[in-house]
């Protein structure tokens, strides 16, 4: 019998590839152009690898070296995508130091490599909170059924859904989730609003999930924009009747306005709602507690109607007359008593409008958004970030962070060294999330967009990021658990007269 012979096939698996740094190159002073722009930024030591593409015309090959002291990390390709394990090992050795980034590029048919002008990436000593949460919303003004509340780990690229509209929406009844907030950076204390179908304020607190109806006969709406009290089980809300109007001859496509707005306080333990401010000639909005919980900041616009019969039409037509100032009220957590309002910053006196007060964790600084008018600066190209020193009252625009386009919603990290904010500087159409270092002297550094696994991610992603917040960890309640609670019964809050 003839023996069958089978050929022996040997497969060699590539377990790694060594990238060689060019030795024969022309040194140039040509500026390195990359997208996204991570040149000369300051980053936290626990950030995910920065990825970018070289956008010099005609470049087909590239090698990049990251050098810090005696340590070097080398990455090949015009798409720079460091391996996460190598990146982490390298960055740990660069804390508090500068990294020199050298790009070697080669154009098609070129005989020699070119060494571009190097740039620097600084690694701060202070880490950033490992998680952020945000809404993702499509660029449509009427379709929002696919809106999601997401979370992202900044130490890698992992993103997950906290809740999606689609879990409880039906073909006949849509839903809109908005205004999420966590308490003291703790994802175990989370609230967000489910609007319209089976709506209510969803509150995860002390291991339970509740659905609360905060609207009472004595308040104009359910709670809208929240601020958790830092030491007691209270949440301050603005209550708003919000509408949209559309421009036909204006680059700023839309104006979002409040037709009415007041302030309320919600006592979680007693399930009680109390009015804080409800002046009919004032449009109060965006409350925010000081870190010690003894001061409530908020913004308010004085608006006097000329004709009360066509009230809503007048508000819409005079949208540029709404100029919001910054106020504060003292607060006694034990008695829930508020003092009289005090003017902190008269922005209207200079023809401007401020919104979104956010106090740094040490109580020293306040961040605000400032623009020409209104309270929704996300739609205003005039929107910038403004810094107030609460120790001496000095104010200035954060021009080292601002851009010619829109800056809007912002928050501090728990250690006060990082600012997370939304901006339209990337393409002018979609809001992206940026992080900027804030040093001990009250100066910001050049911001950088949240890194993604692929450099062209933002070119292909057609959704806006909204209401970003830092978190110390992930939300562990599943979307299905939230959906079950939304589909369940609602508890109505009880109104209590002012204390």
Protein backbone atom coordinates (compact mmCIF):
# COMPACT_ATOMS: atom_id res chain seq x y z
CA UNK A 1 0.00 0.00 0.00
CA UNK A 2 1.32 3.32 -0.98
CA UNK A 3 1.86 5.71 1.94
CA UNK A 4 0.23 9.11 1.59
CA UNK A 5 2.55 12.01 2.18
CA UNK A 6 1.05 15.29 3.36
CA UNK A 7 3.12 18.42 2.99
CA UNK A 8 4.18 20.05 6.23
CA UNK A 9 3.02 23.67 6.30
CA UNK A 10 4.83 25.90 8.73
CA UNK A 11 3.02 29.11 9.69
CA UNK A 12 5.04 31.88 11.23
CA UNK A 13 2.95 34.38 13.20
CA UNK A 14 4.13 37.92 13.47
CA UNK A 15 4.20 38.65 17.17
CA UNK A 16 5.62 42.12 16.83
CA UNK A 17 7.10 44.54 14.37
CA UNK A 18 10.07 46.77 15.06
CA UNK A 19 9.76 50.28 13.74
CA UNK A 20 13.05 51.71 12.54
CA UNK A 21 13.81 55.38 12.98
CA UNK A 22 15.24 56.84 9.76
CA UNK A 23 18.97 57.56 9.91
CA UNK A 24 19.25 59.31 6.55
CA UNK A 25 16.97 62.33 6.69
CA UNK A 26 16.83 66.04 5.99
CA UNK A 27 16.29 68.22 9.02
CA UNK A 28 13.69 70.96 8.38
CA UNK A 29 11.89 73.75 10.23
CA UNK A 30 8.56 72.74 8.73
CA UNK A 31 5.83 72.85 11.34
CA UNK A 32 4.26 69.50 12.18
CA UNK A 33 0.59 69.54 11.20
CA UNK A 34 -1.58 66.84 12.76
CA UNK A 35 -5.31 66.15 13.12
CA UNK A 36 -6.59 66.24 15.82
CA UNK A 37 -4.19 68.90 17.08
CA UNK A 38 -2.27 67.62 20.11
CA UNK A 39 0.76 69.85 19.64
CA UNK A 40 2.03 71.62 22.78
CA UNK A 41 -0.79 70.41 25.03
CA UNK A 42 -0.68 69.37 28.69
CA UNK A 43 -2.20 65.97 29.41
CA UNK A 44 -3.00 63.96 32.56
CA UNK A 45 -0.78 60.96 33.31
CA UNK A 46 -3.74 58.56 33.09
CA UNK A 47 -5.16 59.64 29.72
CA UNK A 48 -5.69 57.14 26.89
CA UNK A 49 -3.15 57.21 24.06
CA UNK A 50 -3.37 60.29 21.86
CA UNK A 51 -3.97 59.36 18.23
CA UNK A 52 -3.57 61.59 15.18
CA UNK A 53 -2.87 61.69 11.45
CA UNK A 54 -0.22 63.67 9.61
CA UNK A 55 -1.95 66.03 7.21
CA UNK A 56 1.04 67.45 5.33
CA UNK A 57 0.35 67.23 1.62
CA UNK A 58 1.75 64.18 -0.11
CA UNK A 59 3.01 62.38 3.00
CA UNK A 60 2.73 58.61 2.56
CA UNK A 61 5.09 57.31 5.26
CA UNK A 62 5.85 58.46 8.78
CA UNK A 63 7.72 57.45 11.91
CA UNK A 64 7.12 59.21 15.22
CA UNK A 65 9.30 59.20 18.32
CA UNK A 66 8.17 60.25 21.80
CA UNK A 67 11.20 61.05 23.95
CA UNK A 68 11.30 61.86 27.65
CA UNK A 69 14.69 61.72 29.34
CA UNK A 70 16.21 58.33 28.51
CA UNK A 71 12.84 56.84 27.52
CA UNK A 72 11.65 56.64 23.90
CA UNK A 73 8.45 55.32 22.39
CA UNK A 74 8.44 54.81 18.61
CA UNK A 75 5.31 54.51 16.47
CA UNK A 76 5.17 53.87 12.73
CA UNK A 77 2.61 55.08 10.18
CA UNK A 78 0.91 58.32 9.13
CA UNK A 79 -1.84 57.34 11.55
CA UNK A 80 -0.19 57.55 14.96
CA UNK A 81 -1.83 55.00 17.25
CA UNK A 82 0.36 54.02 20.23
CA UNK A 83 -0.35 50.66 21.82
CA UNK A 84 -2.12 51.25 25.11
CA UNK A 85 0.20 49.09 27.25
CA UNK A 86 3.32 50.70 25.83
CA UNK A 87 1.76 54.15 26.18
CA UNK A 88 0.90 53.59 29.84
CA UNK A 89 4.36 52.28 30.63
CA UNK A 90 5.97 55.24 28.87
CA UNK A 91 3.70 57.94 30.36
CA UNK A 92 4.29 56.68 33.91
CA UNK A 93 7.95 57.55 33.50
CA UNK A 94 7.16 61.03 32.15
CA UNK A 95 4.95 62.39 34.96
CA UNK A 96 5.77 66.03 35.61
CA UNK A 97 8.00 66.20 32.54
CA UNK A 98 7.85 67.17 28.87
CA UNK A 99 7.74 64.73 25.98
CA UNK A 100 9.49 65.75 22.75
CA UNK A 101 7.60 64.48 19.72
CA UNK A 102 9.66 64.13 16.54
CA UNK A 103 7.99 63.32 13.23
CA UNK A 104 9.91 61.81 10.32
CA UNK A 105 7.88 61.88 7.10
CA UNK A 106 8.41 60.79 3.55
CA UNK A 107 6.49 61.95 0.51
CA UNK A 108 5.67 59.80 -2.46
CA UNK A 109 8.73 59.34 -4.77
CA UNK A 110 10.90 61.37 -2.41
CA UNK A 111 14.45 60.04 -1.99
CA UNK A 112 14.90 61.18 1.59
CA UNK A 113 12.96 61.32 4.80
CA UNK A 114 12.33 64.72 6.36
CA UNK A 115 12.47 65.49 10.05
CA UNK A 116 9.76 68.05 10.83
CA UNK A 117 9.99 70.64 13.58
CA UNK A 118 9.44 68.78 16.89
CA UNK A 119 6.71 69.72 19.34
CA UNK A 120 6.10 69.11 23.04
CA UNK A 121 3.48 67.27 25.07
CA UNK A 122 3.63 68.03 28.80
CA UNK A 123 2.54 65.40 31.33
CA UNK A 124 1.01 66.91 34.46
CA UNK A 125 1.51 65.41 37.91
CA UNK A 126 -2.21 65.43 38.67
CA UNK A 127 -4.45 62.73 37.16
CA UNK A 128 -7.90 63.34 35.74
CA UNK A 129 -11.04 61.63 36.99
CA UNK A 130 -11.17 58.34 35.08
CA UNK A 131 -14.73 58.66 33.70
CA UNK A 132 -16.93 61.24 32.04
CA UNK A 133 -20.64 61.15 31.21
CA UNK A 134 -22.47 63.06 28.48
CA UNK A 135 -25.44 63.04 26.14
CA UNK A 136 -25.06 62.17 22.48
CA UNK A 137 -27.58 63.92 20.29
CA UNK A 138 -28.06 63.93 16.52
CA UNK A 139 -27.94 67.25 14.62
CA UNK A 140 -31.69 67.31 14.09
CA UNK A 141 -34.06 69.68 15.82
CA UNK A 142 -37.04 67.33 15.76
CA UNK A 143 -35.70 63.77 15.83
CA UNK A 144 -34.33 62.70 19.18
CA UNK A 145 -35.51 59.09 19.65
CA UNK A 146 -31.96 57.76 19.32
CA UNK A 147 -30.62 60.14 21.99
CA UNK A 148 -28.42 58.38 24.54
CA UNK A 149 -26.77 59.14 27.85
CA UNK A 150 -23.26 57.67 27.64
CA UNK A 151 -20.14 57.21 29.73
CA UNK A 152 -16.53 56.96 28.63
CA UNK A 153 -13.39 55.80 30.41
CA UNK A 154 -10.68 58.39 29.79
CA UNK A 155 -7.94 55.87 30.57
CA UNK A 156 -8.87 53.84 27.51
CA UNK A 157 -11.42 54.12 24.71
CA UNK A 158 -14.25 52.14 26.28
CA UNK A 159 -17.66 53.78 25.96
CA UNK A 160 -21.02 52.44 27.11
CA UNK A 161 -24.64 53.55 27.24
CA UNK A 162 -26.07 54.58 30.60
CA UNK A 163 -29.56 54.92 29.12
CA UNK A 164 -31.15 55.16 25.68
CA UNK A 165 -34.44 56.75 24.66
CA UNK A 166 -35.14 53.75 22.47
CA UNK A 167 -35.62 51.46 25.49
CA UNK A 168 -38.88 53.13 26.49
CA UNK A 169 -40.00 54.98 23.36
CA UNK A 170 -42.73 53.59 21.13
CA UNK A 171 -43.79 54.36 17.58
CA UNK A 172 -46.62 56.50 18.93
CA UNK A 173 -44.88 57.98 21.98
CA UNK A 174 -41.34 59.34 21.97
CA UNK A 175 -39.15 60.25 24.89
CA UNK A 176 -36.31 62.69 25.56
CA UNK A 177 -33.72 62.27 28.30
CA UNK A 178 -31.75 65.27 29.50
CA UNK A 179 -30.07 67.15 32.32
CA UNK A 180 -28.22 64.29 33.98
CA UNK A 181 -26.05 64.99 37.01
CA UNK A 182 -24.02 63.02 39.55
CA UNK A 183 -23.41 64.02 43.17
CA UNK A 184 -19.83 64.90 44.16
CA UNK A 185 -18.43 62.97 41.17
CA UNK A 186 -19.99 59.78 42.57
CA UNK A 187 -21.78 57.75 39.85
CA UNK A 188 -23.84 55.90 42.48
CA UNK A 189 -25.86 59.09 43.05
CA UNK A 190 -27.23 59.97 39.63
CA UNK A 191 -30.31 61.77 38.34
CA UNK A 192 -31.67 62.49 34.88
CA UNK A 193 -35.01 63.55 33.44
CA UNK A 194 -37.18 61.41 31.19
CA UNK A 195 -39.51 63.74 29.31
CA UNK A 196 -42.82 63.06 27.58
CA UNK A 197 -43.74 59.34 27.42
CA UNK A 198 -43.78 57.88 30.96
CA UNK A 199 -41.78 60.88 32.07
CA UNK A 200 -40.33 61.74 35.44
CA UNK A 201 -37.09 62.53 37.22
CA UNK A 202 -35.09 59.32 37.51
CA UNK A 203 -32.99 59.26 40.66
CA UNK A 204 -30.49 56.58 41.66
CA UNK A 205 -29.71 57.13 45.32
CA UNK A 206 -28.68 54.88 48.23
CA UNK A 207 -28.87 51.80 46.04
CA UNK A 208 -32.45 52.43 44.88
CA UNK A 209 -33.92 53.88 41.69
CA UNK A 210 -36.89 56.23 41.97
CA UNK A 211 -39.09 58.03 39.47
CA UNK A 212 -40.29 61.34 40.90
CA UNK A 213 -42.80 63.84 39.56
CA UNK A 214 -41.38 67.16 40.78
CA UNK A 215 -44.19 69.22 39.25
CA UNK A 216 -46.68 70.52 41.80
CA UNK A 217 -49.65 72.87 41.64
CA UNK A 218 -47.42 75.60 43.09
CA UNK A 219 -44.51 75.26 40.62
CA UNK A 220 -44.44 75.86 36.89
CA UNK A 221 -42.69 72.65 35.84
CA UNK A 222 -40.77 69.64 37.03
CA UNK A 223 -37.12 70.20 37.91
CA UNK A 224 -34.94 70.94 34.90
CA UNK A 225 -31.33 72.01 35.58
CA UNK A 226 -30.03 70.39 38.78
CA UNK A 227 -27.34 70.93 41.38
CA UNK A 228 -26.84 68.36 44.14
CA UNK A 229 -26.13 69.80 47.57
CA UNK A 230 -22.62 68.66 48.60
CA UNK A 231 -23.40 67.69 52.22
CA UNK A 232 -27.19 67.24 52.56
CA UNK A 233 -29.81 65.31 50.62
CA UNK A 234 -31.08 68.30 48.67
CA UNK A 235 -31.09 69.21 44.99
CA UNK A 236 -31.57 72.76 43.74
CA UNK A 237 -33.33 72.99 40.37
CA UNK A 238 -34.42 75.64 37.98
CA UNK A 239 -37.95 75.00 36.70
CA UNK A 240 -38.32 76.12 33.11
CA UNK A 241 -40.79 76.41 30.28
CA UNK A 242 -38.37 76.26 27.37
CA UNK A 243 -38.99 76.82 23.68
CA UNK A 244 -37.07 76.99 20.41
CA UNK A 245 -37.25 79.52 17.60
CA UNK A 246 -35.46 79.30 14.27
CA UNK A 247 -33.60 82.00 12.37
CA UNK A 248 -34.13 82.42 8.63
CA UNK A 249 -31.38 85.02 8.08
CA UNK A 250 -28.80 84.19 10.69
CA UNK A 251 -25.83 81.82 10.74
CA UNK A 252 -26.82 80.86 14.28
CA UNK A 253 -29.65 78.58 13.24
CA UNK A 254 -31.62 78.35 16.43
CA UNK A 255 -32.40 80.25 19.62
CA UNK A 256 -33.40 78.37 22.77
CA UNK A 257 -35.26 80.51 25.30
CA UNK A 258 -37.15 80.19 28.52
CA UNK A 259 -40.69 81.55 28.47
CA UNK A 260 -40.79 81.16 32.25
CA UNK A 261 -38.22 80.07 34.83
CA UNK A 262 -37.92 79.89 38.64
CA UNK A 263 -35.79 78.13 41.27
CA UNK A 264 -36.87 75.33 43.61
CA UNK A 265 -35.29 73.14 46.31
CA UNK A 266 -36.02 69.41 46.51
CA UNK A 267 -35.57 67.54 49.80
CA UNK A 268 -34.90 63.93 48.83
CA UNK A 269 -35.59 62.43 52.26
CA UNK A 270 -38.92 64.25 52.73
CA UNK A 271 -39.87 64.24 49.03
CA UNK A 272 -40.66 67.96 49.36
CA UNK A 273 -40.39 70.80 46.87
CA UNK A 274 -39.95 74.40 48.04
CA UNK A 275 -39.83 77.60 46.00
CA UNK A 276 -36.52 79.48 46.19
CA UNK A 277 -37.10 82.31 43.66
CA UNK A 278 -40.17 83.04 41.51
CA UNK A 279 -40.11 86.72 40.59
CA UNK A 280 -42.32 87.16 37.51
CA UNK A 281 -39.95 89.79 36.07
CA UNK A 282 -36.85 87.61 36.53
CA UNK A 283 -35.76 84.57 34.55
CA UNK A 284 -33.80 82.51 37.12
CA UNK A 285 -31.73 79.58 35.86
CA UNK A 286 -28.77 77.21 36.40
CA UNK A 287 -28.35 76.98 40.19
CA UNK A 288 -25.00 75.81 41.57
CA UNK A 289 -23.85 75.21 45.15
CA UNK A 290 -20.59 76.34 46.68
CA UNK A 291 -18.44 73.41 47.89
CA UNK A 292 -19.45 74.00 51.52
CA UNK A 293 -23.13 74.05 50.59
CA UNK A 294 -23.80 77.39 52.27
CA UNK A 295 -24.16 79.51 49.13
CA UNK A 296 -26.36 78.96 46.09
CA UNK A 297 -25.22 80.71 42.91
CA UNK A 298 -27.50 81.15 39.90
CA UNK A 299 -28.09 83.42 36.91
CA UNK A 300 -31.11 85.59 36.25
CA UNK A 301 -32.26 88.03 33.58
CA UNK A 302 -34.49 91.04 34.26
CA UNK A 303 -37.13 91.30 31.55
CA UNK A 304 -40.06 93.71 31.55
CA UNK A 305 -42.84 93.00 29.10
CA UNK A 306 -44.19 95.84 26.99
CA UNK A 307 -47.36 93.98 26.07
CA UNK A 308 -48.55 91.16 28.30
CA UNK A 309 -51.26 90.11 25.82
CA UNK A 310 -48.76 88.80 23.27
CA UNK A 311 -46.31 87.73 25.95
CA UNK A 312 -44.70 84.68 24.29
CA UNK A 313 -44.39 86.42 20.92
CA UNK A 314 -42.66 89.37 22.55
CA UNK A 315 -40.19 87.13 24.38
CA UNK A 316 -39.28 85.42 21.11
CA UNK A 317 -38.93 88.69 19.17
CA UNK A 318 -36.81 90.34 21.87
CA UNK A 319 -34.47 87.38 22.39
CA UNK A 320 -31.37 89.60 22.32
CA UNK A 321 -32.71 91.66 25.24
CA UNK A 322 -32.22 88.77 27.67
CA UNK A 323 -28.99 89.52 29.56
CA UNK A 324 -28.31 87.21 32.49
CA UNK A 325 -26.45 88.37 35.61
CA UNK A 326 -24.84 86.27 38.34
CA UNK A 327 -26.46 86.18 41.78
CA UNK A 328 -26.05 84.27 45.03
CA UNK A 329 -28.11 83.46 48.11
CA UNK A 330 -26.85 82.34 51.49
CA UNK A 331 -28.22 79.01 52.74
CA UNK A 332 -28.51 77.27 56.10
CA UNK A 333 -28.56 73.50 55.43
CA UNK A 334 -30.02 72.75 58.87
CA UNK A 335 -33.09 74.96 58.50
CA UNK A 336 -33.25 75.12 54.68
CA UNK A 337 -33.52 78.88 54.96
CA UNK A 338 -32.24 81.09 52.13
CA UNK A 339 -31.08 84.65 52.60
CA UNK A 340 -31.87 87.54 50.21
CA UNK A 341 -30.35 87.48 46.74
CA UNK A 342 -27.09 89.35 46.18
CA UNK A 343 -25.70 90.56 42.85
CA UNK A 344 -22.28 89.03 42.18
CA UNK A 345 -21.64 90.12 38.59
CA UNK A 346 -23.64 92.61 36.53
CA UNK A 347 -22.94 91.31 33.05
CA UNK A 348 -25.87 93.19 31.56
CA UNK A 349 -24.20 96.51 32.44
CA UNK A 350 -21.58 95.75 29.80
CA UNK A 351 -24.11 94.37 27.31
CA UNK A 352 -23.28 90.73 27.99
CA UNK A 353 -24.91 87.65 29.49
CA UNK A 354 -23.48 84.94 31.76
CA UNK A 355 -24.63 81.41 32.41
CA UNK A 356 -23.61 78.05 33.92
CA UNK A 357 -21.79 79.06 37.14
CA UNK A 358 -19.47 76.28 38.30
CA UNK A 359 -17.32 76.65 41.45
CA UNK A 360 -13.96 74.86 41.69
CA UNK A 361 -13.76 72.14 44.37
CA UNK A 362 -11.52 74.32 46.57
CA UNK A 363 -14.01 77.20 46.37
CA UNK A 364 -11.43 79.61 44.94
CA UNK A 365 -12.61 80.03 41.35
CA UNK A 366 -15.81 80.08 39.37
CA UNK A 367 -16.19 79.20 35.71
CA UNK A 368 -18.98 80.73 33.68
CA UNK A 369 -19.98 80.91 30.05
CA UNK A 370 -20.35 84.45 28.70
CA UNK A 371 -21.89 85.67 25.47
CA UNK A 372 -23.71 88.58 23.90
CA UNK A 373 -27.18 87.55 25.10
CA UNK A 374 -29.32 84.64 26.27
CA UNK A 375 -28.65 81.65 28.47
CA UNK A 376 -28.01 78.88 25.92
CA UNK A 377 -24.59 79.85 24.60
CA UNK A 378 -24.18 76.50 22.89
CA UNK A 379 -25.94 78.21 19.94
CA UNK A 380 -23.90 81.42 20.12
CA UNK A 381 -20.53 81.91 18.45
CA UNK A 382 -19.89 84.67 20.99
CA UNK A 383 -19.85 82.03 23.75
CA UNK A 384 -16.58 81.96 25.74
CA UNK A 385 -15.40 80.68 29.11
CA UNK A 386 -15.04 83.27 31.85
CA UNK A 387 -13.04 82.86 35.06
CA UNK A 388 -13.88 84.63 38.32
CA UNK A 389 -11.51 84.64 41.29
CA UNK A 390 -13.92 84.39 44.24
CA UNK A 391 -11.17 85.49 46.62
CA UNK A 392 -10.73 88.95 45.12
CA UNK A 393 -13.55 89.26 42.57
CA UNK A 394 -11.21 89.58 39.56
CA UNK A 395 -12.62 88.33 36.28
CA UNK A 396 -11.16 87.54 32.88
CA UNK A 397 -11.93 85.54 29.80
CA UNK A 398 -9.95 82.30 29.62
CA UNK A 399 -8.38 83.24 26.30
CA UNK A 400 -5.73 80.55 26.67
CA UNK A 401 -8.61 78.05 26.43
CA UNK A 402 -11.21 79.88 24.31
CA UNK A 403 -11.42 79.71 20.51
CA UNK A 404 -13.05 81.87 17.79
CA UNK A 405 -16.01 79.45 17.85
CA UNK A 406 -18.46 78.41 20.56
CA UNK A 407 -17.42 77.35 24.06
CA UNK A 408 -20.25 76.39 26.37
CA UNK A 409 -20.99 73.72 28.95
CA UNK A 410 -18.12 73.12 31.38
CA UNK A 411 -17.21 71.33 34.62
CA UNK A 412 -14.25 70.96 36.99
CA UNK A 413 -12.42 67.74 37.81
CA UNK A 414 -12.57 66.61 41.44
CA UNK A 415 -9.00 67.83 42.09
CA UNK A 416 -9.67 71.17 40.37
CA UNK A 417 -6.79 70.76 37.92
CA UNK A 418 -8.77 69.87 34.79
CA UNK A 419 -11.61 71.60 32.97
CA UNK A 420 -13.97 69.62 30.77
CA UNK A 421 -15.98 71.66 28.28
CA UNK A 422 -17.84 71.46 24.99
CA UNK A 423 -16.71 73.42 21.95
CA UNK A 424 -17.45 73.74 18.26
CA UNK A 425 -13.90 74.68 17.30
CA UNK A 426 -13.33 71.37 15.51
CA UNK A 427 -15.67 71.97 12.57
CA UNK A 428 -18.10 74.70 13.63
CA UNK A 429 -21.10 72.37 13.52
CA UNK A 430 -20.83 69.68 16.17
CA UNK A 431 -19.91 70.08 19.81
CA UNK A 432 -16.90 67.99 20.84
CA UNK A 433 -15.46 67.53 24.31
CA UNK A 434 -12.16 69.14 25.28
CA UNK A 435 -9.99 68.96 28.39
CA UNK A 436 -7.67 71.72 29.55
CA UNK A 437 -5.18 71.79 32.42
CA UNK A 438 -5.74 74.51 35.04
CA UNK A 439 -2.63 75.25 37.09
CA UNK A 440 -2.25 76.44 40.70
CA UNK A 441 -1.75 80.03 39.53
CA UNK A 442 -5.17 80.17 37.88
CA UNK A 443 -3.95 79.79 34.31
CA UNK A 444 -5.29 77.37 31.74
CA UNK A 445 -3.28 75.45 29.17
CA UNK A 446 -4.04 74.64 25.55
CA UNK A 447 -7.05 72.27 25.44
CA UNK A 448 -7.10 68.92 23.67
CA UNK A 449 -10.04 66.99 22.26
CA UNK A 450 -10.92 63.70 24.00
CA UNK A 451 -8.70 61.09 22.29
CA UNK A 452 -10.31 58.32 20.27
CA UNK A 453 -8.97 54.98 19.08
CA UNK A 454 -8.82 56.12 15.45
CA UNK A 455 -7.57 59.58 14.41
CA UNK A 456 -10.43 60.20 11.95
CA UNK A 457 -13.19 59.41 14.48
CA UNK A 458 -14.53 62.96 14.69
CA UNK A 459 -14.58 63.34 10.92
CA UNK A 460 -17.03 60.46 10.69
CA UNK A 461 -19.08 60.92 13.86
CA UNK A 462 -22.13 63.10 13.27
CA UNK A 463 -23.45 63.62 16.78
CA UNK A 464 -22.93 66.34 19.34
CA UNK A 465 -21.68 65.86 22.89
CA UNK A 466 -23.78 67.62 25.49
CA UNK A 467 -23.68 68.25 29.28
CA UNK A 468 -20.29 66.65 30.07
CA UNK A 469 -19.44 65.69 33.67
CA UNK A 470 -16.45 64.08 35.35
CA UNK A 471 -17.02 60.91 37.40
CA UNK A 472 -14.75 58.92 39.71
CA UNK A 473 -15.99 55.64 38.28
CA UNK A 474 -18.62 54.13 35.99
CA UNK A 475 -22.37 54.03 36.48
CA UNK A 476 -23.05 50.36 37.24
CA UNK A 477 -26.86 50.43 36.98
CA UNK A 478 -27.79 48.93 33.64
CA UNK A 479 -29.91 50.67 31.00
CA UNK A 480 -32.49 47.89 31.43
CA UNK A 481 -32.79 48.63 35.16
CA UNK A 482 -33.42 52.30 34.41
CA UNK A 483 -35.99 51.32 31.76
CA UNK A 484 -37.83 49.10 34.21
CA UNK A 485 -38.06 51.99 36.65
CA UNK A 486 -39.31 54.39 33.95
CA UNK A 487 -41.99 51.91 32.97
CA UNK A 488 -43.06 51.64 36.60
CA UNK A 489 -45.03 53.88 38.91
CA UNK A 490 -44.28 57.52 39.70
CA UNK A 491 -44.03 59.16 43.11
CA UNK A 492 -45.28 62.75 43.26
CA UNK A 493 -43.36 65.31 45.28
CA UNK A 494 -45.23 67.37 47.90
CA UNK A 495 -45.04 71.17 47.93
CA UNK A 496 -43.88 72.94 51.11
CA UNK A 497 -44.07 76.67 51.72
CA UNK A 498 -40.78 78.58 51.82
CA UNK A 499 -38.76 78.08 54.98
